[in-house]
Amino acid sequence: MKTITCSMLLFCMAILIACQTDRPKNQDEKNKREIQFKREKPDSIRIDKTGLYGIYKGVEFADTGDVSRRDVAHQFSNRVADTLGKYLKSQFKAGNYLSIDFQKTKITTAGMDLKDSVVYCITMFFKSEKKCDASTGIEHCGSWSQDEITSSYFLKKRLVELKKSLQKISVGKPNVHFYKTAEKFQEYWIQFKHKDYQGDCGK
């Protein structure tokens, strides 16, 4: 009986030790994946005086620990907007007055099924403008969802809120354009005159 009890005890201890040694290994692998995810830049943005071309290839959603940043594919729009805003401002300061030709802008998605990876492309062209017709600010709001009716409703509410917040930093009426891909991705892009750069244009 003692032999059986000892054997059972040794067996349980062996399982316990095995489980404990597996945990750090699995945790290390998880940490490595998270570090790799943060380092990877699965996107490309090119910009010059003619326009911007951006492409994202990668996962649609990821467990990043931050719910607001799970839609990693749509975060690409933030990087595009940041690049555009900085470029429009720098060109304006250099005396090269530009705006985005929203009529020629193309936004496409491929593989948007809320499961695995997606290809997300944005192509924009610039137009030369007079000083007070140029744009020095850019914003966007979009819905990365296939529920078209619900996403349209909430997206319009967000647009109203965004336009209201832009009144504090913009001059005149913003230029708003709506885009929808074949896969029902919806997004508004907004260009405007920033008060810090074109404050005298509202007079």
N, C-alpha and C. Protein backbone atom coordinates (compact mmCIF):
# COMPACT_ATOMS: atom_id res chain seq x y z
N MET A 1 0.83 -1.21 0.00
CA MET A 1 0.00 0.00 0.00
C MET A 1 0.86 1.24 0.00
N LYS A 2 1.95 1.19 0.85
CA LYS A 2 2.88 2.33 0.91
C LYS A 2 3.54 2.56 -0.44
N THR A 3 3.85 1.45 -1.12
CA THR A 3 4.51 1.56 -2.43
C THR A 3 3.60 2.27 -3.43
N ILE A 4 2.31 1.93 -3.42
CA ILE A 4 1.34 2.55 -4.33
C ILE A 4 1.18 4.03 -4.02
N THR A 5 1.10 4.31 -2.70
CA THR A 5 0.94 5.71 -2.27
C THR A 5 2.14 6.54 -2.68
N CYS A 6 3.34 6.00 -2.47
CA CYS A 6 4.58 6.71 -2.85
C CYS A 6 4.63 6.93 -4.35
N SER A 7 4.22 5.91 -5.10
CA SER A 7 4.24 6.02 -6.55
C SER A 7 3.28 7.10 -7.03
N MET A 8 2.10 7.12 -6.41
CA MET A 8 1.09 8.14 -6.77
C MET A 8 1.62 9.53 -6.45
N LEU A 9 2.28 9.67 -5.30
CA LEU A 9 2.82 10.96 -4.87
C LEU A 9 3.90 11.44 -5.82
N LEU A 10 4.80 10.52 -6.20
CA LEU A 10 5.88 10.86 -7.13
C LEU A 10 5.32 11.26 -8.49
N PHE A 11 4.27 10.57 -8.95
CA PHE A 11 3.63 10.85 -10.23
C PHE A 11 3.01 12.26 -10.24
N CYS A 12 2.31 12.58 -9.14
CA CYS A 12 1.68 13.91 -9.02
C CYS A 12 2.71 15.01 -8.99
N MET A 13 3.82 14.75 -8.26
CA MET A 13 4.90 15.75 -8.19
C MET A 13 5.52 15.97 -9.56
N ALA A 14 5.67 14.90 -10.31
CA ALA A 14 6.25 15.00 -11.66
C ALA A 14 5.37 15.85 -12.56
N ILE A 15 4.04 15.64 -12.48
CA ILE A 15 3.10 16.44 -13.29
C ILE A 15 3.15 17.90 -12.88
N LEU A 16 3.20 18.14 -11.57
CA LEU A 16 3.25 19.50 -11.05
C LEU A 16 4.49 20.24 -11.53
N ILE A 17 5.64 19.57 -11.47
CA ILE A 17 6.91 20.17 -11.92
C ILE A 17 6.85 20.44 -13.42
N ALA A 18 6.29 19.49 -14.18
CA ALA A 18 6.19 19.65 -15.64
C ALA A 18 5.34 20.85 -15.99
N CYS A 19 4.19 21.00 -15.27
CA CYS A 19 3.30 22.13 -15.53
C CYS A 19 3.97 23.45 -15.20
N GLN A 20 4.71 23.46 -14.09
CA GLN A 20 5.38 24.71 -13.69
C GLN A 20 6.48 25.10 -14.66
N THR A 21 7.18 24.11 -15.19
CA THR A 21 8.26 24.43 -16.12
C THR A 21 7.72 24.85 -17.48
N ASP A 22 6.49 24.38 -17.83
CA ASP A 22 5.89 24.76 -19.11
C ASP A 22 5.42 26.20 -19.12
N ARG A 23 4.99 26.70 -17.98
CA ARG A 23 4.41 28.03 -17.94
C ARG A 23 5.37 29.13 -18.38
N PRO A 24 6.58 29.18 -17.80
CA PRO A 24 7.50 30.23 -18.26
C PRO A 24 7.84 30.11 -19.74
N LYS A 25 7.94 28.87 -20.21
CA LYS A 25 8.27 28.65 -21.62
C LYS A 25 7.15 29.23 -22.51
N ASN A 26 5.89 28.89 -22.16
CA ASN A 26 4.76 29.41 -22.93
C ASN A 26 4.66 30.91 -22.83
N GLN A 27 4.94 31.44 -21.62
CA GLN A 27 4.89 32.88 -21.41
C GLN A 27 5.97 33.57 -22.24
N ASP A 28 7.16 32.95 -22.28
CA ASP A 28 8.25 33.51 -23.09
C ASP A 28 7.86 33.57 -24.56
N GLU A 29 7.23 32.49 -25.04
CA GLU A 29 6.79 32.45 -26.44
C GLU A 29 5.75 33.53 -26.71
N LYS A 30 4.83 33.71 -25.77
CA LYS A 30 3.81 34.75 -25.92
C LYS A 30 4.44 36.13 -25.96
N ASN A 31 5.40 36.36 -25.06
CA ASN A 31 6.10 37.66 -25.01
C ASN A 31 6.86 37.91 -26.31
N LYS A 32 7.49 36.86 -26.84
CA LYS A 32 8.22 37.00 -28.10
C LYS A 32 7.28 37.38 -29.24
N ARG A 33 6.10 36.74 -29.26
CA ARG A 33 5.11 37.04 -30.30
C ARG A 33 4.65 38.49 -30.21
N GLU A 34 4.42 38.95 -28.95
CA GLU A 34 3.95 40.32 -28.75
C GLU A 34 5.01 41.33 -29.17
N ILE A 35 6.28 41.03 -28.83
CA ILE A 35 7.39 41.92 -29.21
C ILE A 35 7.52 41.96 -30.72
N GLN A 36 7.41 40.77 -31.35
CA GLN A 36 7.50 40.69 -32.81
C GLN A 36 6.36 41.46 -33.45
N PHE A 37 5.16 41.34 -32.89
CA PHE A 37 3.99 42.04 -33.43
C PHE A 37 4.20 43.55 -33.38
N LYS A 38 4.78 44.04 -32.28
CA LYS A 38 5.01 45.48 -32.13
C LYS A 38 6.08 45.97 -33.10
N ARG A 39 7.08 45.13 -33.37
CA ARG A 39 8.18 45.55 -34.25
C ARG A 39 7.80 45.51 -35.72
N GLU A 40 6.93 44.57 -36.07
CA GLU A 40 6.57 44.41 -37.48
C GLU A 40 5.80 45.62 -38.00
N LYS A 41 6.12 46.05 -39.20
CA LYS A 41 5.39 47.12 -39.86
C LYS A 41 4.88 46.59 -41.19
N PRO A 42 3.70 45.98 -41.15
CA PRO A 42 3.18 45.34 -42.37
C PRO A 42 2.53 46.33 -43.32
N ASP A 43 3.02 47.56 -43.31
CA ASP A 43 2.41 48.55 -44.20
C ASP A 43 3.48 49.37 -44.89
N SER A 44 3.08 50.02 -45.96
CA SER A 44 3.98 50.85 -46.73
C SER A 44 3.24 52.12 -47.14
N ILE A 45 3.86 53.27 -46.91
CA ILE A 45 3.27 54.55 -47.29
C ILE A 45 4.29 55.35 -48.07
N ARG A 46 3.92 55.74 -49.29
CA ARG A 46 4.78 56.59 -50.11
C ARG A 46 4.04 57.90 -50.37
N ILE A 47 4.74 59.02 -50.22
CA ILE A 47 4.10 60.31 -50.44
C ILE A 47 5.07 61.27 -51.12
N ASP A 48 4.56 62.03 -52.10
CA ASP A 48 5.35 63.08 -52.75
C ASP A 48 4.37 64.15 -53.23
N LYS A 49 4.83 65.06 -54.06
CA LYS A 49 3.98 66.19 -54.48
C LYS A 49 2.80 65.78 -55.36
N THR A 50 2.84 64.55 -55.88
CA THR A 50 1.72 64.09 -56.70
C THR A 50 0.61 63.46 -55.86
N GLY A 51 1.00 62.82 -54.75
CA GLY A 51 -0.01 62.19 -53.92
C GLY A 51 0.56 61.15 -52.97
N LEU A 52 -0.33 60.32 -52.46
CA LEU A 52 0.04 59.29 -51.48
C LEU A 52 -0.46 57.93 -51.94
N TYR A 53 0.39 56.92 -51.74
CA TYR A 53 -0.03 55.54 -51.96
C TYR A 53 0.30 54.75 -50.71
N GLY A 54 -0.70 54.09 -50.14
CA GLY A 54 -0.48 53.30 -48.95
C GLY A 54 -1.10 51.93 -49.07
N ILE A 55 -0.41 50.93 -48.54
CA ILE A 55 -0.95 49.56 -48.57
C ILE A 55 -0.63 48.88 -47.25
N TYR A 56 -1.63 48.20 -46.71
CA TYR A 56 -1.47 47.39 -45.51
C TYR A 56 -1.78 45.95 -45.85
N LYS A 57 -0.90 45.05 -45.46
CA LYS A 57 -1.13 43.61 -45.62
C LYS A 57 -0.89 42.97 -44.28
N GLY A 58 -1.94 42.38 -43.71
CA GLY A 58 -1.77 41.75 -42.41
C GLY A 58 -3.10 41.38 -41.79
N VAL A 59 -3.04 41.07 -40.49
CA VAL A 59 -4.25 40.64 -39.79
C VAL A 59 -5.25 41.78 -39.68
N GLU A 60 -6.53 41.44 -39.66
CA GLU A 60 -7.58 42.44 -39.47
C GLU A 60 -7.67 42.84 -38.00
N PHE A 61 -7.76 41.83 -37.14
CA PHE A 61 -7.91 42.05 -35.71
C PHE A 61 -6.84 41.26 -34.97
N ALA A 62 -6.43 41.77 -33.81
CA ALA A 62 -5.44 41.07 -32.99
C ALA A 62 -5.70 41.38 -31.53
N ASP A 63 -5.38 40.43 -30.67
CA ASP A 63 -5.54 40.63 -29.23
C ASP A 63 -4.32 41.38 -28.72
N THR A 64 -4.39 42.71 -28.79
CA THR A 64 -3.26 43.55 -28.38
C THR A 64 -3.32 43.94 -26.91
N GLY A 65 -4.39 43.53 -26.23
CA GLY A 65 -4.55 43.92 -24.83
C GLY A 65 -5.32 45.21 -24.67
N ASP A 66 -5.48 45.95 -25.77
CA ASP A 66 -6.22 47.21 -25.76
C ASP A 66 -7.39 47.07 -26.72
N VAL A 67 -8.61 47.02 -26.18
CA VAL A 67 -9.80 46.78 -27.00
C VAL A 67 -9.93 47.81 -28.11
N SER A 68 -9.57 49.08 -27.81
CA SER A 68 -9.72 50.15 -28.79
C SER A 68 -8.74 50.02 -29.95
N ARG A 69 -7.73 49.17 -29.80
CA ARG A 69 -6.74 49.01 -30.85
C ARG A 69 -6.72 47.59 -31.43
N ARG A 70 -7.82 46.86 -31.26
CA ARG A 70 -7.88 45.50 -31.79
C ARG A 70 -8.00 45.49 -33.30
N ASP A 71 -8.66 46.50 -33.87
CA ASP A 71 -8.84 46.53 -35.33
C ASP A 71 -7.56 47.09 -35.96
N VAL A 72 -6.52 46.28 -35.92
CA VAL A 72 -5.19 46.72 -36.34
C VAL A 72 -5.15 47.14 -37.81
N ALA A 73 -5.99 46.52 -38.64
CA ALA A 73 -5.99 46.89 -40.07
C ALA A 73 -6.47 48.32 -40.25
N HIS A 74 -7.53 48.69 -39.52
CA HIS A 74 -8.06 50.05 -39.67
C HIS A 74 -7.14 51.09 -39.03
N GLN A 75 -6.24 50.66 -38.14
CA GLN A 75 -5.26 51.59 -37.58
C GLN A 75 -4.37 52.17 -38.68
N PHE A 76 -4.32 51.48 -39.81
CA PHE A 76 -3.53 51.97 -40.94
C PHE A 76 -4.03 53.33 -41.39
N SER A 77 -5.34 53.57 -41.31
CA SER A 77 -5.90 54.87 -41.68
C SER A 77 -5.32 55.98 -40.80
N ASN A 78 -5.08 55.66 -39.53
CA ASN A 78 -4.48 56.65 -38.63
C ASN A 78 -3.08 57.04 -39.09
N ARG A 79 -2.31 56.04 -39.52
CA ARG A 79 -0.94 56.32 -39.98
C ARG A 79 -0.96 57.13 -41.28
N VAL A 80 -1.92 56.81 -42.15
CA VAL A 80 -2.07 57.57 -43.41
C VAL A 80 -2.44 59.02 -43.09
N ALA A 81 -3.41 59.22 -42.19
CA ALA A 81 -3.85 60.56 -41.83
C ALA A 81 -2.70 61.36 -41.21
N ASP A 82 -1.93 60.71 -40.35
CA ASP A 82 -0.78 61.38 -39.72
C ASP A 82 0.24 61.81 -40.76
N THR A 83 0.54 60.91 -41.70
CA THR A 83 1.49 61.22 -42.78
C THR A 83 0.98 62.36 -43.65
N LEU A 84 -0.30 62.31 -44.01
CA LEU A 84 -0.90 63.36 -44.84
C LEU A 84 -0.87 64.71 -44.13
N GLY A 85 -1.28 64.73 -42.87
CA GLY A 85 -1.34 65.98 -42.12
C GLY A 85 0.01 66.67 -42.03
N LYS A 86 1.03 65.90 -41.72
CA LYS A 86 2.39 66.45 -41.61
C LYS A 86 2.88 66.96 -42.96
N TYR A 87 2.58 66.21 -44.02
CA TYR A 87 3.05 66.59 -45.35
C TYR A 87 2.36 67.86 -45.84
N LEU A 88 1.04 67.93 -45.69
CA LEU A 88 0.29 69.12 -46.13
C LEU A 88 0.77 70.38 -45.40
N LYS A 89 1.05 70.25 -44.12
CA LYS A 89 1.52 71.40 -43.33
C LYS A 89 2.92 71.82 -43.77
N SER A 90 3.81 70.85 -43.97
CA SER A 90 5.18 71.18 -44.37
C SER A 90 5.22 71.82 -45.76
N GLN A 91 4.38 71.31 -46.66
CA GLN A 91 4.32 71.89 -48.01
C GLN A 91 3.73 73.30 -47.98
N PHE A 92 2.75 73.50 -47.14
CA PHE A 92 2.14 74.82 -47.01
C PHE A 92 3.17 75.84 -46.52
N LYS A 93 3.95 75.45 -45.53
CA LYS A 93 4.99 76.34 -44.99
C LYS A 93 6.04 76.65 -46.05
N ALA A 94 6.24 75.71 -46.97
CA ALA A 94 7.23 75.90 -48.04
C ALA A 94 6.65 76.67 -49.22
N GLY A 95 5.36 77.04 -49.12
CA GLY A 95 4.74 77.81 -50.20
C GLY A 95 4.14 76.96 -51.30
N ASN A 96 4.04 75.66 -51.05
CA ASN A 96 3.43 74.74 -52.02
C ASN A 96 2.05 74.36 -51.49
N TYR A 97 1.01 75.02 -51.98
CA TYR A 97 -0.32 74.88 -51.43
C TYR A 97 -1.08 73.73 -52.11
N LEU A 98 -1.45 72.75 -51.29
CA LEU A 98 -2.06 71.53 -51.82
C LEU A 98 -3.38 71.21 -51.14
N SER A 99 -4.21 70.44 -51.85
CA SER A 99 -5.38 69.81 -51.25
C SER A 99 -5.47 68.41 -51.83
N ILE A 100 -6.28 67.55 -51.21
CA ILE A 100 -6.45 66.18 -51.69
C ILE A 100 -7.62 66.13 -52.66
N ASP A 101 -7.40 65.50 -53.79
CA ASP A 101 -8.47 65.33 -54.77
C ASP A 101 -9.32 64.13 -54.35
N PHE A 102 -10.36 64.40 -53.58
CA PHE A 102 -11.20 63.32 -53.07
C PHE A 102 -11.93 62.57 -54.19
N GLN A 103 -12.17 63.22 -55.30
CA GLN A 103 -12.88 62.55 -56.40
C GLN A 103 -12.03 61.43 -57.02
N LYS A 104 -10.72 61.61 -56.98
CA LYS A 104 -9.81 60.62 -57.56
C LYS A 104 -9.30 59.61 -56.52
N THR A 105 -9.59 59.85 -55.27
CA THR A 105 -9.13 58.96 -54.20
C THR A 105 -9.75 57.58 -54.32
N LYS A 106 -8.93 56.56 -54.16
CA LYS A 106 -9.40 55.17 -54.22
C LYS A 106 -9.05 54.45 -52.92
N ILE A 107 -10.05 53.78 -52.34
CA ILE A 107 -9.85 52.98 -51.15
C ILE A 107 -10.42 51.59 -51.42
N THR A 108 -9.59 50.56 -51.26
CA THR A 108 -10.04 49.19 -51.52
C THR A 108 -9.63 48.27 -50.38
N THR A 109 -10.40 47.21 -50.21
CA THR A 109 -10.05 46.14 -49.27
C THR A 109 -10.21 44.81 -49.97
N ALA A 110 -9.41 43.83 -49.56
CA ALA A 110 -9.52 42.48 -50.11
C ALA A 110 -9.31 41.49 -48.97
N GLY A 111 -10.25 40.55 -48.82
CA GLY A 111 -10.14 39.55 -47.76
C GLY A 111 -10.73 40.01 -46.45
N MET A 112 -11.57 41.05 -46.47
CA MET A 112 -12.16 41.57 -45.24
C MET A 112 -13.35 40.69 -44.82
N ASP A 113 -13.05 39.67 -44.00
CA ASP A 113 -14.10 38.76 -43.53
C ASP A 113 -14.09 38.65 -42.01
N LEU A 114 -13.36 39.56 -41.34
CA LEU A 114 -13.28 39.61 -39.88
C LEU A 114 -12.64 38.35 -39.29
N LYS A 115 -11.83 37.65 -40.10
CA LYS A 115 -11.22 36.40 -39.63
C LYS A 115 -9.70 36.47 -39.63
N ASP A 116 -9.11 36.48 -40.82
CA ASP A 116 -7.65 36.35 -40.89
C ASP A 116 -6.99 37.65 -41.37
N SER A 117 -6.35 37.58 -42.52
CA SER A 117 -5.59 38.73 -43.02
C SER A 117 -6.38 39.49 -44.07
N VAL A 118 -5.92 40.71 -44.34
CA VAL A 118 -6.60 41.59 -45.29
C VAL A 118 -5.56 42.43 -46.02
N VAL A 119 -5.92 42.88 -47.21
CA VAL A 119 -5.11 43.85 -47.95
C VAL A 119 -5.93 45.13 -48.05
N TYR A 120 -5.37 46.22 -47.56
CA TYR A 120 -6.10 47.49 -47.46
C TYR A 120 -5.26 48.55 -48.17
N CYS A 121 -5.82 49.13 -49.25
CA CYS A 121 -5.07 50.10 -50.07
C CYS A 121 -5.74 51.47 -50.08
N ILE A 122 -4.93 52.50 -50.00
CA ILE A 122 -5.41 53.88 -50.11
C ILE A 122 -4.53 54.61 -51.12
N THR A 123 -5.17 55.20 -52.13
CA THR A 123 -4.45 56.01 -53.12
C THR A 123 -5.10 57.39 -53.18
N MET A 124 -4.29 58.43 -52.96
CA MET A 124 -4.80 59.80 -52.99
C MET A 124 -3.92 60.67 -53.88
N PHE A 125 -4.54 61.62 -54.56
CA PHE A 125 -3.79 62.54 -55.42
C PHE A 125 -3.96 63.97 -54.90
N PHE A 126 -2.91 64.77 -55.08
CA PHE A 126 -2.95 66.16 -54.64
C PHE A 126 -3.31 67.09 -55.80
N LYS A 127 -3.89 68.22 -55.43
CA LYS A 127 -4.15 69.29 -56.39
C LYS A 127 -3.44 70.55 -55.90
N SER A 128 -2.86 71.31 -56.81
CA SER A 128 -2.28 72.61 -56.46
C SER A 128 -3.41 73.61 -56.27
N GLU A 129 -3.29 74.44 -55.23
CA GLU A 129 -4.35 75.37 -54.89
C GLU A 129 -3.80 76.76 -54.59
N LYS A 130 -4.71 77.72 -54.51
CA LYS A 130 -4.36 79.03 -53.97
C LYS A 130 -4.23 78.87 -52.46
N LYS A 131 -3.56 79.82 -51.82
CA LYS A 131 -3.24 79.70 -50.40
C LYS A 131 -4.47 79.38 -49.55
N CYS A 132 -5.57 80.08 -49.78
CA CYS A 132 -6.75 79.91 -48.93
C CYS A 132 -7.70 78.81 -49.42
N ASP A 133 -7.31 78.12 -50.49
CA ASP A 133 -8.09 76.96 -50.95
C ASP A 133 -7.38 75.65 -50.60
N ALA A 134 -6.17 75.77 -50.05
CA ALA A 134 -5.39 74.59 -49.71
C ALA A 134 -5.92 73.94 -48.43
N SER A 135 -5.43 72.76 -48.13
CA SER A 135 -5.77 72.06 -46.89
C SER A 135 -4.52 71.87 -46.05
N THR A 136 -4.66 72.07 -44.76
CA THR A 136 -3.53 71.86 -43.84
C THR A 136 -3.90 70.93 -42.69
N GLY A 137 -5.09 70.35 -42.79
CA GLY A 137 -5.53 69.39 -41.78
C GLY A 137 -6.30 68.26 -42.42
N ILE A 138 -6.20 67.07 -41.81
CA ILE A 138 -6.88 65.90 -42.35
C ILE A 138 -7.36 65.02 -41.19
N GLU A 139 -8.56 64.51 -41.32
CA GLU A 139 -9.12 63.58 -40.32
C GLU A 139 -9.90 62.50 -41.03
N HIS A 140 -10.24 61.46 -40.29
CA HIS A 140 -11.04 60.38 -40.86
C HIS A 140 -11.81 59.69 -39.74
N CYS A 141 -12.88 59.02 -40.11
CA CYS A 141 -13.55 58.08 -39.20
C CYS A 141 -14.18 56.99 -40.05
N GLY A 142 -14.01 55.76 -39.61
CA GLY A 142 -14.49 54.65 -40.42
C GLY A 142 -15.09 53.55 -39.58
N SER A 143 -15.69 52.58 -40.26
CA SER A 143 -16.30 51.44 -39.59
C SER A 143 -15.81 50.16 -40.24
N TRP A 144 -15.05 49.39 -39.49
CA TRP A 144 -14.49 48.13 -39.98
C TRP A 144 -15.45 47.01 -39.57
N SER A 145 -16.65 47.03 -40.16
CA SER A 145 -17.68 46.06 -39.81
C SER A 145 -18.49 45.72 -41.05
N GLN A 146 -19.01 44.50 -41.08
CA GLN A 146 -19.80 44.07 -42.23
C GLN A 146 -21.30 44.28 -42.01
N ASP A 147 -21.67 44.76 -40.83
CA ASP A 147 -23.07 45.09 -40.55
C ASP A 147 -23.31 46.50 -41.08
N GLU A 148 -23.72 46.59 -42.33
CA GLU A 148 -23.77 47.86 -43.05
C GLU A 148 -24.72 48.87 -42.41
N ILE A 149 -25.91 48.44 -42.02
CA ILE A 149 -26.91 49.35 -41.48
C ILE A 149 -26.47 49.92 -40.13
N THR A 150 -26.06 49.03 -39.23
CA THR A 150 -25.63 49.46 -37.90
C THR A 150 -24.39 50.35 -37.98
N SER A 151 -23.42 49.93 -38.80
CA SER A 151 -22.18 50.70 -38.91
C SER A 151 -22.43 52.07 -39.52
N SER A 152 -23.37 52.17 -40.48
CA SER A 152 -23.70 53.46 -41.09
C SER A 152 -24.29 54.42 -40.05
N TYR A 153 -25.14 53.89 -39.21
CA TYR A 153 -25.78 54.71 -38.17
C TYR A 153 -24.75 55.29 -37.21
N PHE A 154 -23.90 54.41 -36.67
CA PHE A 154 -22.91 54.86 -35.70
C PHE A 154 -21.83 55.72 -36.36
N LEU A 155 -21.52 55.42 -37.61
CA LEU A 155 -20.51 56.19 -38.32
C LEU A 155 -20.97 57.63 -38.55
N LYS A 156 -22.23 57.81 -38.89
CA LYS A 156 -22.76 59.16 -39.08
C LYS A 156 -22.75 59.96 -37.78
N LYS A 157 -23.04 59.27 -36.67
CA LYS A 157 -22.97 59.93 -35.36
C LYS A 157 -21.55 60.37 -35.05
N ARG A 158 -20.58 59.51 -35.35
CA ARG A 158 -19.17 59.85 -35.12
C ARG A 158 -18.74 61.01 -36.00
N LEU A 159 -19.25 61.04 -37.23
CA LEU A 159 -18.90 62.13 -38.14
C LEU A 159 -19.39 63.47 -37.60
N VAL A 160 -20.62 63.50 -37.08
CA VAL A 160 -21.17 64.73 -36.50
C VAL A 160 -20.31 65.20 -35.34
N GLU A 161 -19.91 64.27 -34.48
CA GLU A 161 -19.07 64.61 -33.33
C GLU A 161 -17.71 65.11 -33.77
N LEU A 162 -17.14 64.44 -34.78
CA LEU A 162 -15.82 64.83 -35.28
C LEU A 162 -15.85 66.22 -35.89
N LYS A 163 -16.86 66.51 -36.70
CA LYS A 163 -16.99 67.83 -37.33
C LYS A 163 -17.16 68.93 -36.27
N LYS A 164 -17.87 68.60 -35.20
CA LYS A 164 -18.06 69.56 -34.12
C LYS A 164 -16.74 69.86 -33.42
N SER A 165 -15.93 68.82 -33.18
CA SER A 165 -14.64 69.01 -32.53
C SER A 165 -13.66 69.77 -33.42
N LEU A 166 -13.80 69.60 -34.75
CA LEU A 166 -12.89 70.28 -35.68
C LEU A 166 -13.15 71.79 -35.75
N GLN A 167 -14.34 72.22 -35.33
CA GLN A 167 -14.66 73.64 -35.35
C GLN A 167 -13.69 74.46 -34.48
N LYS A 168 -13.12 73.80 -33.48
CA LYS A 168 -12.19 74.49 -32.58
C LYS A 168 -10.84 74.79 -33.23
N ILE A 169 -10.49 73.98 -34.23
CA ILE A 169 -9.15 74.14 -34.81
C ILE A 169 -9.16 74.45 -36.31
N SER A 170 -10.36 74.59 -36.90
CA SER A 170 -10.42 74.80 -38.34
C SER A 170 -11.06 76.12 -38.72
N VAL A 171 -10.83 76.50 -39.98
CA VAL A 171 -11.39 77.73 -40.55
C VAL A 171 -12.30 77.34 -41.70
N GLY A 172 -13.51 77.91 -41.73
CA GLY A 172 -14.42 77.62 -42.83
C GLY A 172 -15.04 76.24 -42.74
N LYS A 173 -15.62 75.82 -43.84
CA LYS A 173 -16.33 74.55 -43.90
C LYS A 173 -15.38 73.43 -44.34
N PRO A 174 -15.33 72.32 -43.60
CA PRO A 174 -14.44 71.22 -44.01
C PRO A 174 -14.97 70.51 -45.26
N ASN A 175 -14.08 69.89 -45.98
CA ASN A 175 -14.43 69.11 -47.17
C ASN A 175 -14.52 67.64 -46.77
N VAL A 176 -15.72 67.07 -46.86
CA VAL A 176 -15.96 65.70 -46.41
C VAL A 176 -16.31 64.80 -47.59
N HIS A 177 -15.72 63.61 -47.60
CA HIS A 177 -16.05 62.65 -48.66
C HIS A 177 -16.22 61.26 -48.06
N PHE A 178 -17.22 60.54 -48.56
CA PHE A 178 -17.54 59.20 -48.06
C PHE A 178 -17.06 58.13 -49.05
N TYR A 179 -16.47 57.06 -48.50
CA TYR A 179 -16.00 55.95 -49.32
C TYR A 179 -16.54 54.63 -48.77
N LYS A 180 -16.86 53.72 -49.68
CA LYS A 180 -17.30 52.39 -49.28
C LYS A 180 -16.70 51.38 -50.25
N THR A 181 -16.05 50.36 -49.72
CA THR A 181 -15.46 49.34 -50.58
C THR A 181 -16.49 48.28 -50.93
N ALA A 182 -16.13 47.41 -51.86
CA ALA A 182 -17.03 46.33 -52.27
C ALA A 182 -17.34 45.39 -51.11
N GLU A 183 -16.44 45.37 -50.10
CA GLU A 183 -16.64 44.51 -48.93
C GLU A 183 -17.34 45.24 -47.78
N LYS A 184 -17.92 46.42 -48.11
CA LYS A 184 -18.74 47.20 -47.19
C LYS A 184 -17.96 47.90 -46.08
N PHE A 185 -16.66 48.05 -46.26
CA PHE A 185 -15.91 48.91 -45.35
C PHE A 185 -16.29 50.35 -45.68
N GLN A 186 -16.63 51.14 -44.64
CA GLN A 186 -17.08 52.51 -44.84
C GLN A 186 -16.17 53.48 -44.10
N GLU A 187 -15.89 54.61 -44.75
CA GLU A 187 -15.01 55.59 -44.12
C GLU A 187 -15.26 56.98 -44.67
N TYR A 188 -15.23 57.96 -43.76
CA TYR A 188 -15.28 59.37 -44.13
C TYR A 188 -13.87 59.94 -44.00
N TRP A 189 -13.46 60.72 -45.01
CA TRP A 189 -12.21 61.48 -44.93
C TRP A 189 -12.57 62.96 -44.97
N ILE A 190 -11.91 63.74 -44.15
CA ILE A 190 -12.21 65.16 -43.98
C ILE A 190 -10.92 65.97 -44.09
N GLN A 191 -10.89 66.92 -45.02
CA GLN A 191 -9.76 67.85 -45.08
C GLN A 191 -10.26 69.25 -44.74
N PHE A 192 -9.39 70.03 -44.10
CA PHE A 192 -9.83 71.34 -43.63
C PHE A 192 -8.64 72.30 -43.54
N LYS A 193 -8.97 73.55 -43.30
CA LYS A 193 -7.96 74.60 -43.11
C LYS A 193 -7.67 74.72 -41.62
N HIS A 194 -6.45 74.44 -41.22
CA HIS A 194 -6.07 74.50 -39.81
C HIS A 194 -5.83 75.95 -39.40
N LYS A 195 -6.41 76.34 -38.26
CA LYS A 195 -6.30 77.73 -37.78
C LYS A 195 -4.85 78.18 -37.61
N ASP A 196 -3.99 77.28 -37.18
CA ASP A 196 -2.60 77.65 -36.94
C ASP A 196 -1.86 78.00 -38.22
N TYR A 197 -2.38 77.56 -39.36
CA TYR A 197 -1.71 77.80 -40.64
C TYR A 197 -2.50 78.72 -41.55
N GLN A 198 -3.81 78.66 -41.47
CA GLN A 198 -4.64 79.43 -42.39
C GLN A 198 -5.69 80.28 -41.65
N GLY A 199 -5.31 80.75 -40.49
CA GLY A 199 -6.22 81.55 -39.67
C GLY A 199 -6.71 82.81 -40.38
N ASP A 200 -5.87 83.40 -41.23
CA ASP A 200 -6.25 84.63 -41.92
C ASP A 200 -7.18 84.36 -43.10
N CYS A 201 -7.39 83.08 -43.45
CA CYS A 201 -8.25 82.76 -44.59
C CYS A 201 -9.73 82.87 -44.24
N GLY A 202 -10.05 82.96 -42.95
CA GLY A 202 -11.44 83.05 -42.56
C GLY A 202 -11.94 84.46 -42.46
N LYS A 203 -11.04 85.42 -42.70
CA LYS A 203 -11.41 86.84 -42.54
C LYS A 203 -11.97 87.39 -43.84
